[in-house]
Amino acid sequence: MAPLRLGRAAVVAAVAALTTTACLGPAGGARVEPAEASGDGTLRIGLILDNTGAQNFLNAPQLAAAQLAVREINAAGGHKGKPVELLPATISVDTAAQAKALVAAKADVVIGPTDSSRAPAAIDVLSAARIAVISPANSASGLSSYPSKGFYFRTSAADIAQAPVLVKLAKDGGAATIGVVYEEGSYGKDVSNAVAAAAKASGLGTAAVVGFAPGQAQQAAAAVKAAAPDAVVLISRAAAQGAIAELNNAGVAGKKLILADGAVNQYGSGLGSSALDGARGILPGTFASAKFQGELVSVDPGLKDMAFAAEAYDAVNLAAIAAAAAQDDAGTSIAAGLVAVSGGSAETSGGTGPSGAAEVCKSYQECLDTLRAGKRPDYDGQSGRVTFDAHGDVSSANYVLYTYGPDNTATMSGSETAGSSGK
């Protein structure tokens, strides 16, 4: 089995810098305003790779995906007949320093960062320099409202988008009531609130919603057991294994458990025998096709994980297509065109390319042909349908469904799609 996409579980939950009160709201600025051509004729793409330590495996697939996309774009003629440049990447947790270096290198668009907690530092520097930012992995819900002057986008959905999928899994398993156990923090609070709302909307009863501090899940497990729900949704990241153990001790195990994305892992012998037998969980994204995996490995023969590769690949292609539609490589033109070329509403886009009905295209070459035919491209790529809204968020979210066996390891068992609003 291919390695599970566990990177999102490592994203820091507390994004204290996020705010919703800035004068330049989430739907304003460069995404919806007309842009005048101001590029220098060369499209330069930068990367922010910010995973170190145990999570450093997340850098390689994003880099390989960006290299693959640029290689294909240049094979199709590049931007206005000139090769697209992928700027040299460094790995660092000093996101602001990386962003400043990319400004100095004359980047027009930057792909990254991975960690939601580092996004504000990148956005602050790059939006001030009028450079478009597209993260392939940011999932903190508050980023939809972070002041970016309209330069920030992400090809991954917000954490709360998984709520209706988690509720659907409960209903599919025959549950009429659910309990929710969540790890305290912004991730746990946001997703638990969204799950409760989705349950109400779908007609499920919510027997209990209980929070716990890391390492202190015993009371929460006892409380949800006492409420006697038909299914229990666990929303946790770093403290997930301990919480599962406490739920097991309380008699909540196996098929009764549904794991949110942060709690999905290959636990194996780290939990008691059959603790998760029949449990289900989801991870964001789509499972990379054999063809796409092969193409990535041709770029990096040592590649072992595909986490966020599809989203990074699509981010690069979308940026190049937006530049092609505008016939300009400036960050303002890219930001102004991204909504339209992703299949979003042309009326709310500031792009100067073709408007009207969109035609689906699945590669840079196909989208370029669509533009040459005088039509508006609607890029649907390796991560599925993108469709940015005026907030820079994708309008739908894809998930891979995993089911656990008696050895507490998960195997892919299906896929689900939901709207990005968590409703």
Foldseek 3Di string as FASTA:
>chain_A
DAADQQLLLPFDFAQPPFDQPDPQWLLAALFFAADDFDFPQEAEEEEAEEDDDPNNLVRQLLVLLLVLQQVVCVVLQPQPNDRHHYDDYDYHNPLLVSLVVVVVVVHQEYEDDAHQSCVVSNLVSQLVSLHAYEYLHHADPSLLTGRRSLRYAYQAFHLLQCQLVLLVLCVVVPWQEEEEEEEDGRSRVSNLVLNCVNCVVVNHHYQYYYYDYQPGQLVVLLVRVVSPGQAYEYHYAPRLLVNLQSNVVNVQFALRYEYEARNDDQCFPVHDFQRHAFYKYKHWFDDFDPVRVVSSCVSPVPRRHNHSSFRSNVVSLLQSLQCNQQSHNHNSSSSQRSLQQQPHAPNSGNHPGAHDHEDEDEGSSRSNVCRVVRHRHNYAYRRGRARADSSNHGQKIKIFMWTARRSSGTDTDGMDMGTSVSD
